[in-house]
Amino acid sequence: MVDYELNELRREFLAEAEGKVREMQQVIDGGRDSAALDRIAYLAHQLKGSGGSYGYEKISSDAAEIEKAVERMAGGNDGDDVEAKLRQHALNLRSEIEKSARELSTATA
């Protein structure tokens, strides 16, 4: 029973995480004013903490890298390398979320 409940919570987390990453990617593609950077950092921070809590260390670590990239950009280091890393970590995060959701659905099917 406990595993079933935990898996339900994980499913909910992954669905919410997918939406957050989609929003992050839209914000990244839309521009980099301070409000946009704040929003990306906020979403990444949420995913970092929640990912670790649910046992998704890769999600947590990619979210942490996004947070670091946003901090560098907010600090004025917004070269192409930082933006490229931000985009890559967002892609990694999305891939990991999708992979985790697939694994969870086959494990409980």
Protein backbone atom coordinates (compact mmCIF):
# COMPACT_ATOMS: atom_id res chain seq x y z
CA MET A 1 0.00 0.00 0.00
CA VAL A 2 2.78 2.42 0.87
CA ASP A 3 4.56 1.81 -2.45
CA TYR A 4 1.34 2.47 -4.33
CA GLU A 5 0.80 5.76 -2.50
CA LEU A 6 4.41 6.82 -3.03
CA ASN A 7 4.18 5.97 -6.72
CA GLU A 8 1.01 8.06 -6.99
CA LEU A 9 2.85 11.00 -5.41
CA ARG A 10 5.76 10.44 -7.78
CA ARG A 11 3.39 10.42 -10.76
CA GLU A 12 1.89 13.72 -9.61
CA PHE A 13 5.36 15.20 -9.06
CA LEU A 14 6.54 14.14 -12.52
CA ALA A 15 3.42 15.59 -14.19
CA GLU A 16 3.93 18.90 -12.36
CA ALA A 17 7.67 18.81 -13.10
CA GLU A 18 7.01 18.39 -16.80
CA GLY A 19 4.82 21.50 -16.76
CA LYS A 20 7.47 23.45 -14.87
CA VAL A 21 10.17 22.48 -17.35
CA ARG A 22 7.94 23.42 -20.27
CA GLU A 23 7.40 26.81 -18.66
CA MET A 24 11.14 27.17 -18.05
CA GLN A 25 11.90 26.42 -21.68
CA GLN A 26 9.32 28.98 -22.83
CA VAL A 27 10.84 31.60 -20.54
CA ILE A 28 14.36 30.74 -21.74
CA ASP A 29 13.25 31.10 -25.36
CA GLY A 30 11.34 34.32 -24.63
CA GLY A 31 14.05 36.52 -23.22
CA ARG A 32 16.16 37.13 -20.18
CA ASP A 33 14.90 40.07 -18.17
CA SER A 34 15.23 39.88 -14.39
CA ALA A 35 11.64 38.68 -13.91
CA ALA A 36 12.24 35.84 -16.38
CA LEU A 37 15.46 34.83 -14.64
CA ASP A 38 13.72 34.95 -11.27
CA ARG A 39 10.94 32.68 -12.58
CA ILE A 40 13.42 30.14 -13.98
CA ALA A 41 15.36 30.15 -10.71
CA TYR A 42 12.14 29.69 -8.71
CA LEU A 43 10.99 26.72 -10.81
CA ALA A 44 14.45 25.15 -10.77
CA HIS A 45 14.67 25.54 -7.00
CA GLN A 46 11.33 23.78 -6.55
CA LEU A 47 12.41 20.91 -8.81
CA LYS A 48 15.76 20.63 -7.07
CA GLY A 49 14.18 20.11 -3.66
CA SER A 50 11.24 18.00 -4.72
CA GLY A 51 13.27 15.84 -7.08
CA GLY A 52 15.61 14.86 -4.28
CA SER A 53 12.71 14.21 -1.90
CA TYR A 54 11.13 11.75 -4.34
CA GLY A 55 14.42 10.00 -5.08
CA TYR A 56 15.08 11.58 -8.47
CA GLU A 57 18.67 12.68 -7.98
CA LYS A 58 19.28 13.39 -11.68
CA ILE A 59 16.28 15.73 -11.78
CA SER A 60 17.54 17.43 -8.63
CA SER A 61 21.09 17.85 -9.96
CA ASP A 62 20.00 19.22 -13.36
CA ALA A 63 17.67 21.66 -11.60
CA ALA A 64 20.59 22.74 -9.38
CA GLU A 65 22.70 23.37 -12.50
CA ILE A 66 19.91 25.50 -13.97
CA GLU A 67 19.80 27.48 -10.75
CA LYS A 68 23.58 28.05 -10.94
CA ALA A 69 23.39 29.14 -14.59
CA VAL A 70 20.63 31.63 -13.77
CA GLU A 71 22.71 33.02 -10.90
CA ARG A 72 25.65 33.53 -13.30
CA MET A 73 23.38 35.22 -15.84
CA ALA A 74 21.81 37.45 -13.17
CA GLY A 75 25.32 38.37 -12.04
CA GLY A 76 26.18 39.65 -15.50
CA ASN A 77 27.92 36.55 -16.83
CA ASP A 78 25.48 35.95 -19.66
CA GLY A 79 27.76 34.76 -22.41
CA ASP A 80 26.67 32.20 -24.96
CA ASP A 81 28.28 29.43 -22.92
CA VAL A 82 26.06 30.10 -19.90
CA GLU A 83 22.93 30.30 -22.04
CA ALA A 84 23.90 27.10 -23.85
CA LYS A 85 24.37 25.33 -20.51
CA LEU A 86 21.01 26.63 -19.32
CA ARG A 87 19.29 25.29 -22.43
CA GLN A 88 21.12 21.96 -22.22
CA HIS A 89 20.25 21.40 -18.58
CA ALA A 90 16.61 22.23 -19.32
CA LEU A 91 16.64 19.62 -22.10
CA ASN A 92 18.34 17.11 -19.80
CA LEU A 93 15.75 17.80 -17.15
CA ARG A 94 12.86 17.28 -19.55
CA SER A 95 14.38 14.03 -20.84
CA GLU A 96 14.95 12.73 -17.32
CA ILE A 97 11.39 13.57 -16.28
CA GLU A 98 9.98 11.80 -19.35
CA LYS A 99 12.22 8.78 -18.76
CA SER A 100 11.27 8.61 -15.07
CA ALA A 101 7.56 8.82 -15.94
CA ARG A 102 7.92 5.97 -18.44
CA GLU A 103 9.80 3.83 -15.92
CA LEU A 104 7.20 4.52 -13.24
CA SER A 105 4.32 3.61 -15.55
CA THR A 106 5.92 0.30 -16.56
CA ALA A 107 6.87 -0.53 -12.97
CA THR A 108 3.29 -0.16 -11.76
CA ALA A 109 1.48 -1.53 -14.80
